[in-house]
């Protein structure tokens, strides 16, 4: 992926996307449907991992709809539908990461529906224990459990969808199989979970409604994806409120932190801490560490090498790598600082549920807020900084004022309890799934805007399609943020078999 974050990269990436789309449309015109499906997925992968200035593509959605209509083997016939049945569809699920945790929590907490799971491209990776436990022994449908094609996977998924009342899509931004399966189907109500609201994604055109996890994602849908406000719903992430098993002092001792020291903690995929435009998480926190000998920075996710190894050599903190459970780290935290340059909401919510004050560096108000952290249940308690200097000041002030820190931690925990305790989330999810979703499918595209490169380095208003600092950062960062959980686990996003003449590199580009 290019490190050039200027407008030239946006234009170059957009031209490459148009070239990929043209080859996709040519394959469709010649009725080479499997090749067209593969090329469509390659196009979506490229747009996901190499920002092009667009967050949605009407041409690509139209191609998927047409392929889906042509692969229908017979007129759609609804099977015997299982009452209150929900089929969750995911591309892949992982042992770590907020995406899989959200899926597992959803299935576990909503007891008013029967939940099933279909996996599009799990490969030979085992089903994570937390997902298997949530399913309570019900097997997941693996659409790639034998050599096949994207078209075959779509046909198998289509048959499975005809047996349920509701489908919930948790798919990766590039996954075309659900869109193929849902094309021209008079079947179940389909909800598309907008869990990757910061990057390009494909396939929501086959859904009836979009489920947003935060307000900033919903706003971006309207401004840049052409989605009507009435076609969206807001549902906060499901979080299991933790029970502390040890006190903070004992948790620190187990992590090797000496008595009397403060722990500033964070947890996310390692890629979310890497510098963009020369500024990363350590650059933001270094001034705080330099002026305070009583602080230790402990971060789960990054590998303990490079600058992290230097941090540990100086005795100021360390990277813990991937952890199967970040709970012991969060139990030790005096303050939780959200990952930067990219937010990680799940870990932040888990810290908040433990009564740990949470601090986040948010983009300036004139920039799209999807690169920052926002979630309704923390609106009144999240400590927000608009600059690195301000973040260090906010953290320092909380460390110096134990009473304020304790009061804020209690308010944070109470806010989480109000929104997630006593089956509150499950009730909200149940009402959402029971809402009729028939009618015009979503989104009804209104020619999604593309960012235009600024002249003479000018920024501009995102709502009018100008290229902002967000767009320029996204050129270098879309892959790191979008593929965070996958890359953290040593995997690259799954690709179908390559189309003839195309070579797909690990970053998803097509040459």
Foldseek 3Di string as FASTA:
>chain_A
DDLFLAQVQLQVLQVQLVVLLVVLVVCVVVVVLLLSLQSLLLSQLSCLLFPNQAQEDPSSLVSLLVSLVVLPPDPDDFDAADPQEEEEEEQEADLDADLNVLVLLLLQLQPVGQYAYEYEHHDPDDDHPSNCVSNVNDDHHYLPPDDDTLSSSLCVVLNVQSHYQEYEYSYAQSDSSPLSNQRPDPGHAYEYEPPPLLGHGDRLLSHLAYEYQFDLSLVCCVLFVQFDNVRYHYAHGADDQDDDPDALVVLCVVVVHDPQAAEEEEEFAQLLQDDRPRDGDCNLCVVLLVVDVRYAYEYEHHDFDDVQVVCVVVVRYHYPAHDSDCVSVLNNHQAYEAGPPAGRPRVQLNSLSVLHAYEWAAEPPQDRGNRTDDGVLCPPQYHYDPDSVRRSVVVVVLVVDVVVSNVSSVVSNVSSCVCHNPSNSSVVVVVVRPDDRDDNRPGPHPPGAGARRDPPPDADHVSVRHHHSSSSSCSNPSQSVSCRVQVSVVHADDRTPRNPPWDADSSSHTD
